[in-house]
Amino acid sequence: MGLYARLRQVIGLAVVGFADDTNLLACGKTTQDYVKALEMGWAVCDEWARARGMAFEPVKSSLIHFCRTRTPRPEQV
């Protein structure tokens, strides 16, 4: 099974990719919901890459957190 097919099985996770870029998008009612989805998505990506003798470059990754509140959130993601 391909990487994107496996990622589509993670609840709360959406995948957008183009060429060598993969974006994991997660939504949830709580911070814990989408953190869990992102962690599961990362585990799928890491396992897929290791099985092929590859690795993702964490330095090239970033997290953008969007929320509806107007005040800073206390949670650390």
C-alpha atoms as a PDB file:
ATOM      1  CA  MET A   1       0.000   0.000   0.000  1.00  0.00           C
ATOM      2  CA  GLY A   2       1.318   3.440  -0.898  1.00  0.00           C
ATOM      3  CA  LEU A   3       2.120   6.195   1.574  1.00  0.00           C
ATOM      4  CA  TYR A   4      -0.890   8.367   0.771  1.00  0.00           C
ATOM      5  CA  ALA A   5      -3.277   5.406   0.904  1.00  0.00           C
ATOM      6  CA  ARG A   6      -1.966   4.543   4.368  1.00  0.00           C
ATOM      7  CA  LEU A   7      -2.198   8.164   5.525  1.00  0.00           C
ATOM      8  CA  ARG A   8      -5.836   8.374   4.354  1.00  0.00           C
ATOM      9  CA  GLN A   9      -6.634   5.673   6.937  1.00  0.00           C
ATOM     10  CA  VAL A  10      -5.616   7.939   9.843  1.00  0.00           C
ATOM     11  CA  ILE A  11      -8.767   9.417  11.382  1.00  0.00           C
ATOM     12  CA  GLY A  12      -8.772  13.224  11.462  1.00  0.00           C
ATOM     13  CA  LEU A  13      -5.910  13.553   8.971  1.00  0.00           C
ATOM     14  CA  ALA A  14      -5.925  14.902   5.431  1.00  0.00           C
ATOM     15  CA  VAL A  15      -2.986  14.725   3.035  1.00  0.00           C
ATOM     16  CA  VAL A  16      -1.995  17.158   0.312  1.00  0.00           C
ATOM     17  CA  GLY A  17       1.063  16.443  -1.766  1.00  0.00           C
ATOM     18  CA  PHE A  18       2.867  17.696  -4.814  1.00  0.00           C
ATOM     19  CA  ALA A  19       6.137  16.319  -6.201  1.00  0.00           C
ATOM     20  CA  ASP A  20       8.377  15.829  -3.160  1.00  0.00           C
ATOM     21  CA  ASP A  21       6.244  17.851  -0.707  1.00  0.00           C
ATOM     22  CA  THR A  22       3.752  16.194   1.622  1.00  0.00           C
ATOM     23  CA  ASN A  23       1.457  18.180   3.894  1.00  0.00           C
ATOM     24  CA  LEU A  24      -0.393  16.585   6.785  1.00  0.00           C
ATOM     25  CA  LEU A  25      -3.494  18.538   7.810  1.00  0.00           C
ATOM     26  CA  ALA A  26      -5.350  17.669  10.986  1.00  0.00           C
ATOM     27  CA  CYS A  27      -8.579  18.979  12.467  1.00  0.00           C
ATOM     28  CA  GLY A  28     -10.188  18.245  15.772  1.00  0.00           C
ATOM     29  CA  LYS A  29     -12.390  19.582  18.530  1.00  0.00           C
ATOM     30  CA  THR A  30      -9.495  19.563  20.972  1.00  0.00           C
ATOM     31  CA  THR A  31      -5.766  20.059  20.692  1.00  0.00           C
ATOM     32  CA  GLN A  32      -5.291  16.450  21.768  1.00  0.00           C
ATOM     33  CA  ASP A  33      -7.440  15.252  18.831  1.00  0.00           C
ATOM     34  CA  TYR A  34      -5.288  16.776  16.137  1.00  0.00           C
ATOM     35  CA  VAL A  35      -2.001  16.161  17.918  1.00  0.00           C
ATOM     36  CA  LYS A  36      -2.910  12.466  17.996  1.00  0.00           C
ATOM     37  CA  ALA A  37      -3.757  12.496  14.269  1.00  0.00           C
ATOM     38  CA  LEU A  38      -0.475  14.248  13.409  1.00  0.00           C
ATOM     39  CA  GLU A  39       1.547  11.857  15.562  1.00  0.00           C
ATOM     40  CA  MET A  40      -0.105   8.869  13.910  1.00  0.00           C
ATOM     41  CA  GLY A  41       0.501  10.400  10.478  1.00  0.00           C
ATOM     42  CA  TRP A  42       4.152  11.007  11.287  1.00  0.00           C
ATOM     43  CA  ALA A  43       4.532   7.391  12.464  1.00  0.00           C
ATOM     44  CA  VAL A  44       3.117   6.179   9.127  1.00  0.00           C
ATOM     45  CA  CYS A  45       5.501   8.453   7.185  1.00  0.00           C
ATOM     46  CA  ASP A  46       8.520   7.440   9.252  1.00  0.00           C
ATOM     47  CA  GLU A  47       7.768   3.719   8.959  1.00  0.00           C
ATOM     48  CA  TRP A  48       7.189   4.034   5.205  1.00  0.00           C
ATOM     49  CA  ALA A  49      10.469   5.899   4.688  1.00  0.00           C
ATOM     50  CA  ARG A  50      12.556   3.551   6.855  1.00  0.00           C
ATOM     51  CA  ALA A  51      11.232   0.512   4.970  1.00  0.00           C
ATOM     52  CA  ARG A  52      12.638   2.104   1.804  1.00  0.00           C
ATOM     53  CA  GLY A  53      15.981   3.224   3.257  1.00  0.00           C
ATOM     54  CA  MET A  54      14.865   6.849   3.288  1.00  0.00           C
ATOM     55  CA  ALA A  55      14.369   9.528   5.924  1.00  0.00           C
ATOM     56  CA  PHE A  56      12.368  12.728   6.162  1.00  0.00           C
ATOM     57  CA  GLU A  57      14.282  15.893   7.058  1.00  0.00           C
ATOM     58  CA  PRO A  58      12.735  17.369  10.247  1.00  0.00           C
ATOM     59  CA  VAL A  59      14.574  20.680   9.735  1.00  0.00           C
ATOM     60  CA  LYS A  60      12.503  21.214   6.588  1.00  0.00           C
ATOM     61  CA  SER A  61       9.253  20.649   8.485  1.00  0.00           C
ATOM     62  CA  SER A  62       7.131  23.198  10.275  1.00  0.00           C
ATOM     63  CA  LEU A  63       3.897  23.252  12.227  1.00  0.00           C
ATOM     64  CA  ILE A  64       1.290  25.937  11.680  1.00  0.00           C
ATOM     65  CA  HIS A  65      -1.523  25.994  14.217  1.00  0.00           C
ATOM     66  CA  PHE A  66      -4.740  27.797  13.260  1.00  0.00           C
ATOM     67  CA  CYS A  67      -7.536  28.349  15.760  1.00  0.00           C
ATOM     68  CA  ARG A  68     -10.559  30.579  16.150  1.00  0.00           C
ATOM     69  CA  THR A  69      -9.625  32.118  19.478  1.00  0.00           C
ATOM     70  CA  ARG A  70      -8.364  35.661  19.654  1.00  0.00           C
ATOM     71  CA  THR A  71      -6.197  35.006  22.684  1.00  0.00           C
ATOM     72  CA  PRO A  72      -3.097  32.801  22.754  1.00  0.00           C
ATOM     73  CA  ARG A  73      -3.727  29.121  23.536  1.00  0.00           C
ATOM     74  CA  PRO A  74      -1.945  27.729  26.614  1.00  0.00           C
ATOM     75  CA  GLU A  75      -1.313  24.296  25.052  1.00  0.00           C
ATOM     76  CA  GLN A  76       2.046  23.448  23.561  1.00  0.00           C
ATOM     77  CA  VAL A  77       1.833  21.519  20.287  1.00  0.00           C
END
